[in-house]
């Protein structure tokens, strides 16, 4: 693919600034260029599979450019920033996000990663398994923070930044999504538009739109509780060795995650009760 941009001038590069985790990302025309990391070609293979399976809610992998950078198609749309605006708090957002993730899971199910697959992760962690339940593994996104969800016409339409993609399970991926979008946070740590929302109801809306089965509904909150604890442990470890994650930690993560752990311990039973209630 390098010949596609042999004549691109650096003046045509537009920096793309997100949450600051990955530096050096630029847009060139209808493409995005990113620094190559050890997991780049594994993710390119995964994205190629998703496209071949008919999933259109992710960037198209385009190989490497003539400067040795990863090339992806640019995904048009709007990416919300914190604090999330009121129009992202509607139930229709949860419905469309759930349907998008269900399509991703269905497209990815059955894909066998290359024998030499390499996966990304949080600095300082030891590659802990993200599949503590009994579901079959599926390679999926695993990081549905608002900065990775592209909106069109006010609704989620695509996903970007697959740096944390790796083998996981559907239920773990769902837990990650509702953590950010229900959200599974103490009210003081939510964006103002989300502070007073009915979280058990919102999780049930997501579950219904995704088509979660009975086993997944019973397992979701226990798994989410474990996941939030892992977030806390991993972010604390990353903050000790990585300046970007230290900034996240100091700017509020060190307080937000303990509050989230306490909150889900207290409120989790009500969410499970709502999820598993009969019609």
C-alpha atoms as a PDB file:
ATOM      1  CA  UNK A   1       0.000   0.000   0.000  1.00  0.00           C
ATOM      2  CA  UNK A   2       3.005   2.305   0.287  1.00  0.00           C
ATOM      3  CA  UNK A   3       2.627   3.423  -3.334  1.00  0.00           C
ATOM      4  CA  UNK A   4      -0.767   4.965  -2.490  1.00  0.00           C
ATOM      5  CA  UNK A   5       0.902   7.907  -0.802  1.00  0.00           C
ATOM      6  CA  UNK A   6       4.382   8.077  -2.191  1.00  0.00           C
ATOM      7  CA  UNK A   7       3.953  11.792  -2.885  1.00  0.00           C
ATOM      8  CA  UNK A   8       2.180  12.816   0.308  1.00  0.00           C
ATOM      9  CA  UNK A   9       3.687  15.963   1.784  1.00  0.00           C
ATOM     10  CA  UNK A  10       3.938  16.280   5.568  1.00  0.00           C
ATOM     11  CA  UNK A  11       2.010  19.557   5.262  1.00  0.00           C
ATOM     12  CA  UNK A  12      -1.019  17.427   4.333  1.00  0.00           C
ATOM     13  CA  UNK A  13      -0.872  15.617   7.673  1.00  0.00           C
ATOM     14  CA  UNK A  14      -3.420  16.681  10.259  1.00  0.00           C
ATOM     15  CA  UNK A  15      -2.642  15.559  13.846  1.00  0.00           C
ATOM     16  CA  UNK A  16      -5.449  13.615  15.508  1.00  0.00           C
ATOM     17  CA  UNK A  17      -5.490  14.314  19.226  1.00  0.00           C
ATOM     18  CA  UNK A  18      -7.524  11.999  21.416  1.00  0.00           C
ATOM     19  CA  UNK A  19      -6.917  10.922  24.993  1.00  0.00           C
ATOM     20  CA  UNK A  20      -3.160  11.154  24.600  1.00  0.00           C
ATOM     21  CA  UNK A  21      -2.318   7.465  25.032  1.00  0.00           C
ATOM     22  CA  UNK A  22      -0.911   7.030  21.526  1.00  0.00           C
ATOM     23  CA  UNK A  23       1.219   9.836  20.144  1.00  0.00           C
ATOM     24  CA  UNK A  24       1.931  10.580  16.498  1.00  0.00           C
ATOM     25  CA  UNK A  25      -1.451   9.743  14.951  1.00  0.00           C
ATOM     26  CA  UNK A  26      -2.242  11.847  11.873  1.00  0.00           C
ATOM     27  CA  UNK A  27      -4.866  12.029   9.165  1.00  0.00           C
ATOM     28  CA  UNK A  28      -3.795  12.116   5.537  1.00  0.00           C
ATOM     29  CA  UNK A  29      -6.762  12.543   3.223  1.00  0.00           C
ATOM     30  CA  UNK A  30      -9.124   9.634   3.826  1.00  0.00           C
ATOM     31  CA  UNK A  31      -6.535   7.637   5.776  1.00  0.00           C
ATOM     32  CA  UNK A  32      -5.109   7.584   9.289  1.00  0.00           C
ATOM     33  CA  UNK A  33      -1.417   6.917   9.960  1.00  0.00           C
ATOM     34  CA  UNK A  34      -0.308   5.463  13.297  1.00  0.00           C
ATOM     35  CA  UNK A  35       3.047   4.373  14.737  1.00  0.00           C
ATOM     36  CA  UNK A  36       3.680   0.653  14.308  1.00  0.00           C
ATOM     37  CA  UNK A  37       3.623  -1.335  17.544  1.00  0.00           C
ATOM     38  CA  UNK A  38       4.318  -5.032  18.173  1.00  0.00           C
ATOM     39  CA  UNK A  39       0.623  -5.868  17.813  1.00  0.00           C
ATOM     40  CA  UNK A  40      -0.033  -3.800  14.666  1.00  0.00           C
ATOM     41  CA  UNK A  41      -0.054  -6.597  12.102  1.00  0.00           C
ATOM     42  CA  UNK A  42      -2.191  -8.833  14.318  1.00  0.00           C
ATOM     43  CA  UNK A  43      -4.820  -6.088  14.536  1.00  0.00           C
ATOM     44  CA  UNK A  44      -4.562  -5.488  10.784  1.00  0.00           C
ATOM     45  CA  UNK A  45      -5.335  -9.177  10.223  1.00  0.00           C
ATOM     46  CA  UNK A  46      -8.272  -8.954  12.626  1.00  0.00           C
ATOM     47  CA  UNK A  47      -9.696  -5.866  10.953  1.00  0.00           C
ATOM     48  CA  UNK A  48      -9.330  -7.535   7.563  1.00  0.00           C
ATOM     49  CA  UNK A  49     -11.352 -10.472   8.850  1.00  0.00           C
ATOM     50  CA  UNK A  50     -14.084  -8.195  10.179  1.00  0.00           C
ATOM     51  CA  UNK A  51     -14.366  -6.446   6.823  1.00  0.00           C
ATOM     52  CA  UNK A  52     -14.502  -9.760   4.953  1.00  0.00           C
ATOM     53  CA  UNK A  53     -17.236 -10.923   7.357  1.00  0.00           C
ATOM     54  CA  UNK A  54     -19.348  -7.897   6.486  1.00  0.00           C
ATOM     55  CA  UNK A  55     -18.725  -5.738   9.568  1.00  0.00           C
ATOM     56  CA  UNK A  56     -18.428  -2.118   8.422  1.00  0.00           C
ATOM     57  CA  UNK A  57     -18.180  -0.435  11.814  1.00  0.00           C
ATOM     58  CA  UNK A  58     -14.373  -0.424  12.020  1.00  0.00           C
ATOM     59  CA  UNK A  59     -11.438   1.043  10.069  1.00  0.00           C
ATOM     60  CA  UNK A  60     -10.273  -0.761   6.944  1.00  0.00           C
ATOM     61  CA  UNK A  61      -6.657  -1.969   7.305  1.00  0.00           C
ATOM     62  CA  UNK A  62      -4.391  -0.663   4.543  1.00  0.00           C
ATOM     63  CA  UNK A  63      -0.991  -2.031   5.531  1.00  0.00           C
ATOM     64  CA  UNK A  64       2.008   0.265   6.002  1.00  0.00           C
ATOM     65  CA  UNK A  65       2.835   3.533   4.286  1.00  0.00           C
ATOM     66  CA  UNK A  66       6.212   4.493   2.798  1.00  0.00           C
ATOM     67  CA  UNK A  67       7.329   5.838   6.183  1.00  0.00           C
ATOM     68  CA  UNK A  68       6.630   2.513   7.869  1.00  0.00           C
ATOM     69  CA  UNK A  69       3.494   3.707   9.645  1.00  0.00           C
ATOM     70  CA  UNK A  70       0.288   1.743   9.959  1.00  0.00           C
ATOM     71  CA  UNK A  71      -2.410   2.877   7.521  1.00  0.00           C
ATOM     72  CA  UNK A  72      -6.132   2.647   8.182  1.00  0.00           C
ATOM     73  CA  UNK A  73      -9.154   4.180   6.521  1.00  0.00           C
ATOM     74  CA  UNK A  74     -10.433   7.322   8.222  1.00  0.00           C
ATOM     75  CA  UNK A  75     -13.779   6.676   9.923  1.00  0.00           C
ATOM     76  CA  UNK A  76     -16.020   9.740   9.500  1.00  0.00           C
ATOM     77  CA  UNK A  77     -18.310  10.923  12.255  1.00  0.00           C
ATOM     78  CA  UNK A  78     -18.258  12.585  15.660  1.00  0.00           C
ATOM     79  CA  UNK A  79     -16.416  11.298  18.735  1.00  0.00           C
ATOM     80  CA  UNK A  80     -17.856  12.599  22.025  1.00  0.00           C
ATOM     81  CA  UNK A  81     -15.555  14.091  24.614  1.00  0.00           C
ATOM     82  CA  UNK A  82     -15.868  14.188  28.383  1.00  0.00           C
ATOM     83  CA  UNK A  83     -18.023  15.398  30.001  1.00  0.00           C
ATOM     84  CA  UNK A  84     -20.435  13.570  27.746  1.00  0.00           C
ATOM     85  CA  UNK A  85     -23.138  15.849  26.310  1.00  0.00           C
ATOM     86  CA  UNK A  86     -26.808  15.273  27.182  1.00  0.00           C
ATOM     87  CA  UNK A  87     -27.671  13.846  23.768  1.00  0.00           C
ATOM     88  CA  UNK A  88     -25.391  10.853  24.425  1.00  0.00           C
ATOM     89  CA  UNK A  89     -27.441   9.842  27.488  1.00  0.00           C
ATOM     90  CA  UNK A  90     -30.516   8.716  25.571  1.00  0.00           C
ATOM     91  CA  UNK A  91     -31.597   5.085  25.627  1.00  0.00           C
ATOM     92  CA  UNK A  92     -31.402   4.951  21.831  1.00  0.00           C
ATOM     93  CA  UNK A  93     -27.618   5.404  22.176  1.00  0.00           C
ATOM     94  CA  UNK A  94     -27.428   2.292  24.361  1.00  0.00           C
ATOM     95  CA  UNK A  95     -29.600   0.367  21.896  1.00  0.00           C
ATOM     96  CA  UNK A  96     -27.448   1.229  18.884  1.00  0.00           C
ATOM     97  CA  UNK A  97     -24.197   0.594  20.740  1.00  0.00           C
ATOM     98  CA  UNK A  98     -25.456  -2.819  21.857  1.00  0.00           C
ATOM     99  CA  UNK A  99     -26.453  -3.707  18.303  1.00  0.00           C
ATOM    100  CA  UNK A 100     -23.093  -2.507  16.965  1.00  0.00           C
ATOM    101  CA  UNK A 101     -21.195  -4.663  19.464  1.00  0.00           C
ATOM    102  CA  UNK A 102     -23.428  -7.657  18.709  1.00  0.00           C
ATOM    103  CA  UNK A 103     -22.593  -7.319  15.005  1.00  0.00           C
ATOM    104  CA  UNK A 104     -18.891  -7.087  15.888  1.00  0.00           C
ATOM    105  CA  UNK A 105     -19.062 -10.233  18.017  1.00  0.00           C
ATOM    106  CA  UNK A 106     -20.957 -12.174  15.368  1.00  0.00           C
ATOM    107  CA  UNK A 107     -18.453 -11.145  12.684  1.00  0.00           C
ATOM    108  CA  UNK A 108     -15.465 -12.050  14.877  1.00  0.00           C
ATOM    109  CA  UNK A 109     -16.777 -15.354  16.215  1.00  0.00           C
ATOM    110  CA  UNK A 110     -14.764 -18.249  14.866  1.00  0.00           C
ATOM    111  CA  UNK A 111     -11.771 -16.182  13.683  1.00  0.00           C
ATOM    112  CA  UNK A 112      -8.508 -17.908  14.499  1.00  0.00           C
ATOM    113  CA  UNK A 113      -5.672 -15.416  15.136  1.00  0.00           C
ATOM    114  CA  UNK A 114      -2.321 -16.030  13.417  1.00  0.00           C
ATOM    115  CA  UNK A 115       0.053 -18.384  15.201  1.00  0.00           C
ATOM    116  CA  UNK A 116       2.400 -15.457  15.877  1.00  0.00           C
ATOM    117  CA  UNK A 117      -0.355 -13.126  17.111  1.00  0.00           C
ATOM    118  CA  UNK A 118       0.765 -10.359  19.459  1.00  0.00           C
ATOM    119  CA  UNK A 119      -1.695  -8.363  21.566  1.00  0.00           C
ATOM    120  CA  UNK A 120      -1.584  -4.946  23.171  1.00  0.00           C
ATOM    121  CA  UNK A 121      -2.289  -4.135  26.797  1.00  0.00           C
ATOM    122  CA  UNK A 122      -1.926  -1.709  29.672  1.00  0.00           C
ATOM    123  CA  UNK A 123       1.718  -0.980  30.631  1.00  0.00           C
ATOM    124  CA  UNK A 124       2.872  -2.837  33.710  1.00  0.00           C
ATOM    125  CA  UNK A 125       0.265  -5.596  33.546  1.00  0.00           C
ATOM    126  CA  UNK A 126       1.148  -9.219  32.966  1.00  0.00           C
ATOM    127  CA  UNK A 127      -1.343  -9.984  30.248  1.00  0.00           C
ATOM    128  CA  UNK A 128      -3.984 -11.202  32.678  1.00  0.00           C
ATOM    129  CA  UNK A 129      -6.733 -13.228  31.084  1.00  0.00           C
ATOM    130  CA  UNK A 130      -9.918 -11.356  30.268  1.00  0.00           C
ATOM    131  CA  UNK A 131     -11.936 -14.562  29.969  1.00  0.00           C
ATOM    132  CA  UNK A 132     -12.847 -15.576  33.534  1.00  0.00           C
ATOM    133  CA  UNK A 133     -16.203 -17.037  32.514  1.00  0.00           C
ATOM    134  CA  UNK A 134     -17.163 -20.174  30.605  1.00  0.00           C
ATOM    135  CA  UNK A 135     -18.064 -18.589  27.271  1.00  0.00           C
ATOM    136  CA  UNK A 136     -16.098 -19.474  24.138  1.00  0.00           C
ATOM    137  CA  UNK A 137     -13.417 -16.905  23.304  1.00  0.00           C
ATOM    138  CA  UNK A 138     -13.884 -14.232  20.682  1.00  0.00           C
ATOM    139  CA  UNK A 139     -11.442 -11.519  19.667  1.00  0.00           C
ATOM    140  CA  UNK A 140     -13.083  -8.176  20.366  1.00  0.00           C
ATOM    141  CA  UNK A 141     -12.475  -4.501  21.055  1.00  0.00           C
ATOM    142  CA  UNK A 142     -12.409  -4.457  24.892  1.00  0.00           C
ATOM    143  CA  UNK A 143     -12.281  -0.660  25.254  1.00  0.00           C
ATOM    144  CA  UNK A 144     -15.570   1.138  24.646  1.00  0.00           C
ATOM    145  CA  UNK A 145     -14.603   4.425  26.257  1.00  0.00           C
ATOM    146  CA  UNK A 146     -16.384   7.364  24.595  1.00  0.00           C
ATOM    147  CA  UNK A 147     -13.276   8.352  22.652  1.00  0.00           C
ATOM    148  CA  UNK A 148     -13.415   5.058  20.761  1.00  0.00           C
ATOM    149  CA  UNK A 149     -17.067   5.276  19.663  1.00  0.00           C
ATOM    150  CA  UNK A 150     -17.883   7.187  16.470  1.00  0.00           C
ATOM    151  CA  UNK A 151     -21.353   8.730  16.226  1.00  0.00           C
ATOM    152  CA  UNK A 152     -23.299   9.587  13.085  1.00  0.00           C
ATOM    153  CA  UNK A 153     -26.668  11.300  13.184  1.00  0.00           C
ATOM    154  CA  UNK A 154     -26.500  11.229  16.961  1.00  0.00           C
ATOM    155  CA  UNK A 155     -26.033   7.463  17.344  1.00  0.00           C
ATOM    156  CA  UNK A 156     -23.073   5.050  17.614  1.00  0.00           C
ATOM    157  CA  UNK A 157     -22.079   3.875  14.153  1.00  0.00           C
ATOM    158  CA  UNK A 158     -18.476   2.635  14.321  1.00  0.00           C
ATOM    159  CA  UNK A 159     -15.545   1.824  16.592  1.00  0.00           C
ATOM    160  CA  UNK A 160     -11.954   3.014  16.390  1.00  0.00           C
ATOM    161  CA  UNK A 161      -8.694   2.331  18.259  1.00  0.00           C
ATOM    162  CA  UNK A 162      -8.491  -1.453  18.481  1.00  0.00           C
ATOM    163  CA  UNK A 163      -5.188  -1.315  20.411  1.00  0.00           C
ATOM    164  CA  UNK A 164      -6.581  -3.375  23.312  1.00  0.00           C
ATOM    165  CA  UNK A 165      -8.341  -5.953  21.139  1.00  0.00           C
ATOM    166  CA  UNK A 166      -7.494  -9.524  22.064  1.00  0.00           C
ATOM    167  CA  UNK A 167      -9.216 -12.841  22.791  1.00  0.00           C
ATOM    168  CA  UNK A 168     -11.971 -12.262  25.351  1.00  0.00           C
ATOM    169  CA  UNK A 169     -15.607 -13.290  25.751  1.00  0.00           C
ATOM    170  CA  UNK A 170     -18.843 -11.644  24.775  1.00  0.00           C
ATOM    171  CA  UNK A 171     -19.880 -11.104  28.383  1.00  0.00           C
ATOM    172  CA  UNK A 172     -16.576  -9.435  29.311  1.00  0.00           C
ATOM    173  CA  UNK A 173     -16.902  -7.129  26.320  1.00  0.00           C
ATOM    174  CA  UNK A 174     -20.476  -6.278  27.306  1.00  0.00           C
ATOM    175  CA  UNK A 175     -19.318  -5.505  30.855  1.00  0.00           C
ATOM    176  CA  UNK A 176     -16.731  -3.095  29.453  1.00  0.00           C
ATOM    177  CA  UNK A 177     -19.358  -1.341  27.326  1.00  0.00           C
ATOM    178  CA  UNK A 178     -21.893  -0.873  30.120  1.00  0.00           C
ATOM    179  CA  UNK A 179     -19.148   0.285  32.490  1.00  0.00           C
ATOM    180  CA  UNK A 180     -18.650   3.305  30.250  1.00  0.00           C
ATOM    181  CA  UNK A 181     -22.155   3.819  28.898  1.00  0.00           C
ATOM    182  CA  UNK A 182     -24.671   2.801  31.586  1.00  0.00           C
ATOM    183  CA  UNK A 183     -22.375   3.786  33.365  1.00  0.00           C
ATOM    184  CA  UNK A 184     -21.214   1.574  36.247  1.00  0.00           C
ATOM    185  CA  UNK A 185     -19.781   4.508  38.162  1.00  0.00           C
ATOM    186  CA  UNK A 186     -20.569   6.347  41.368  1.00  0.00           C
ATOM    187  CA  UNK A 187     -22.922   9.244  40.535  1.00  0.00           C
ATOM    188  CA  UNK A 188     -20.286  11.882  41.400  1.00  0.00           C
ATOM    189  CA  UNK A 189     -17.977  10.427  38.730  1.00  0.00           C
ATOM    190  CA  UNK A 190     -20.509  10.443  35.894  1.00  0.00           C
ATOM    191  CA  UNK A 191     -20.991  13.216  33.383  1.00  0.00           C
ATOM    192  CA  UNK A 192     -23.788  15.507  34.640  1.00  0.00           C
ATOM    193  CA  UNK A 193     -26.276  14.205  32.057  1.00  0.00           C
ATOM    194  CA  UNK A 194     -25.784  10.662  33.438  1.00  0.00           C
ATOM    195  CA  UNK A 195     -25.679  11.433  37.175  1.00  0.00           C
ATOM    196  CA  UNK A 196     -29.301  10.666  38.050  1.00  0.00           C
ATOM    197  CA  UNK A 197     -30.144   7.980  35.502  1.00  0.00           C
ATOM    198  CA  UNK A 198     -31.739   4.629  36.389  1.00  0.00           C
ATOM    199  CA  UNK A 199     -28.720   2.357  35.936  1.00  0.00           C
ATOM    200  CA  UNK A 200     -30.494  -1.009  36.389  1.00  0.00           C
ATOM    201  CA  UNK A 201     -32.966   0.022  33.689  1.00  0.00           C
ATOM    202  CA  UNK A 202     -30.215   1.197  31.351  1.00  0.00           C
ATOM    203  CA  UNK A 203     -28.249  -2.039  31.714  1.00  0.00           C
ATOM    204  CA  UNK A 204     -31.442  -3.958  30.939  1.00  0.00           C
ATOM    205  CA  UNK A 205     -32.032  -1.806  27.838  1.00  0.00           C
ATOM    206  CA  UNK A 206     -28.534  -2.690  26.621  1.00  0.00           C
ATOM    207  CA  UNK A 207     -29.058  -6.382  27.411  1.00  0.00           C
ATOM    208  CA  UNK A 208     -32.331  -6.502  25.512  1.00  0.00           C
ATOM    209  CA  UNK A 209     -30.885  -4.730  22.465  1.00  0.00           C
ATOM    210  CA  UNK A 210     -27.853  -7.028  22.400  1.00  0.00           C
ATOM    211  CA  UNK A 211     -29.966 -10.149  22.917  1.00  0.00           C
ATOM    212  CA  UNK A 212     -28.195 -11.359  26.065  1.00  0.00           C
ATOM    213  CA  UNK A 213     -29.185 -14.837  27.167  1.00  0.00           C
ATOM    214  CA  UNK A 214     -30.128 -15.862  30.716  1.00  0.00           C
ATOM    215  CA  UNK A 215     -26.642 -17.058  31.609  1.00  0.00           C
ATOM    216  CA  UNK A 216     -25.066 -13.808  30.444  1.00  0.00           C
ATOM    217  CA  UNK A 217     -27.588 -11.768  32.426  1.00  0.00           C
ATOM    218  CA  UNK A 218     -26.783 -13.622  35.650  1.00  0.00           C
ATOM    219  CA  UNK A 219     -23.027 -13.405  35.047  1.00  0.00           C
ATOM    220  CA  UNK A 220     -22.756  -9.763  34.003  1.00  0.00           C
ATOM    221  CA  UNK A 221     -22.530  -7.921  37.333  1.00  0.00           C
ATOM    222  CA  UNK A 222     -20.258 -10.438  39.118  1.00  0.00           C
ATOM    223  CA  UNK A 223     -17.931 -10.221  36.118  1.00  0.00           C
ATOM    224  CA  UNK A 224     -18.186  -6.426  35.965  1.00  0.00           C
ATOM    225  CA  UNK A 225     -17.276  -6.277  39.666  1.00  0.00           C
ATOM    226  CA  UNK A 226     -14.137  -8.305  38.983  1.00  0.00           C
ATOM    227  CA  UNK A 227     -13.384  -6.190  35.907  1.00  0.00           C
ATOM    228  CA  UNK A 228     -13.586  -2.902  37.811  1.00  0.00           C
ATOM    229  CA  UNK A 229     -11.236  -4.261  40.470  1.00  0.00           C
ATOM    230  CA  UNK A 230      -8.836  -5.288  37.706  1.00  0.00           C
ATOM    231  CA  UNK A 231      -9.070  -1.779  36.222  1.00  0.00           C
ATOM    232  CA  UNK A 232      -8.023  -0.404  39.602  1.00  0.00           C
ATOM    233  CA  UNK A 233      -5.071  -2.769  39.997  1.00  0.00           C
ATOM    234  CA  UNK A 234      -3.892  -2.358  36.402  1.00  0.00           C
ATOM    235  CA  UNK A 235      -4.140   1.424  36.344  1.00  0.00           C
ATOM    236  CA  UNK A 236      -2.227   1.691  39.613  1.00  0.00           C
ATOM    237  CA  UNK A 237       0.532  -0.518  38.169  1.00  0.00           C
ATOM    238  CA  UNK A 238       0.623   1.427  34.898  1.00  0.00           C
ATOM    239  CA  UNK A 239       0.832   4.754  36.748  1.00  0.00           C
ATOM    240  CA  UNK A 240       4.056   3.611  38.382  1.00  0.00           C
ATOM    241  CA  UNK A 241       5.898   3.189  35.076  1.00  0.00           C
ATOM    242  CA  UNK A 242       4.137   5.209  32.375  1.00  0.00           C
ATOM    243  CA  UNK A 243       3.784   9.027  32.465  1.00  0.00           C
ATOM    244  CA  UNK A 244       0.527   9.045  30.478  1.00  0.00           C
ATOM    245  CA  UNK A 245      -1.148   6.630  32.863  1.00  0.00           C
ATOM    246  CA  UNK A 246       0.335   8.474  35.840  1.00  0.00           C
ATOM    247  CA  UNK A 247      -1.418  11.581  34.568  1.00  0.00           C
ATOM    248  CA  UNK A 248      -4.722   9.677  34.300  1.00  0.00           C
ATOM    249  CA  UNK A 249      -4.196   8.326  37.821  1.00  0.00           C
ATOM    250  CA  UNK A 250      -3.410  11.707  39.332  1.00  0.00           C
ATOM    251  CA  UNK A 251      -6.240  13.460  37.476  1.00  0.00           C
ATOM    252  CA  UNK A 252      -8.890  11.306  39.110  1.00  0.00           C
ATOM    253  CA  UNK A 253      -8.588   7.607  38.345  1.00  0.00           C
ATOM    254  CA  UNK A 254      -7.082   6.956  41.786  1.00  0.00           C
ATOM    255  CA  UNK A 255     -10.349   8.164  43.356  1.00  0.00           C
ATOM    256  CA  UNK A 256     -12.869   7.160  40.692  1.00  0.00           C
ATOM    257  CA  UNK A 257     -12.054   3.453  40.590  1.00  0.00           C
ATOM    258  CA  UNK A 258     -12.282   2.817  44.365  1.00  0.00           C
ATOM    259  CA  UNK A 259     -15.628   4.608  44.331  1.00  0.00           C
ATOM    260  CA  UNK A 260     -16.773   2.466  41.388  1.00  0.00           C
ATOM    261  CA  UNK A 261     -15.789  -0.702  43.265  1.00  0.00           C
ATOM    262  CA  UNK A 262     -17.770   0.357  46.332  1.00  0.00           C
ATOM    263  CA  UNK A 263     -20.730   1.494  44.245  1.00  0.00           C
ATOM    264  CA  UNK A 264     -21.105  -1.738  42.272  1.00  0.00           C
ATOM    265  CA  UNK A 265     -20.761  -3.770  45.470  1.00  0.00           C
ATOM    266  CA  UNK A 266     -23.764  -1.888  46.866  1.00  0.00           C
ATOM    267  CA  UNK A 267     -25.840  -1.468  43.708  1.00  0.00           C
ATOM    268  CA  UNK A 268     -24.924  -4.599  41.760  1.00  0.00           C
ATOM    269  CA  UNK A 269     -27.660  -6.811  43.270  1.00  0.00           C
ATOM    270  CA  UNK A 270     -30.367  -4.391  42.093  1.00  0.00           C
ATOM    271  CA  UNK A 271     -28.910  -4.409  38.566  1.00  0.00           C
ATOM    272  CA  UNK A 272     -28.833  -8.216  38.500  1.00  0.00           C
ATOM    273  CA  UNK A 273     -32.402  -8.355  39.803  1.00  0.00           C
ATOM    274  CA  UNK A 274     -33.567  -6.054  37.004  1.00  0.00           C
ATOM    275  CA  UNK A 275     -31.598  -7.983  34.386  1.00  0.00           C
ATOM    276  CA  UNK A 276     -32.991 -11.351  35.411  1.00  0.00           C
ATOM    277  CA  UNK A 277     -36.583 -10.348  36.169  1.00  0.00           C
ATOM    278  CA  UNK A 278     -39.202 -12.127  34.136  1.00  0.00           C
ATOM    279  CA  UNK A 279     -41.335 -10.360  31.520  1.00  0.00           C
END
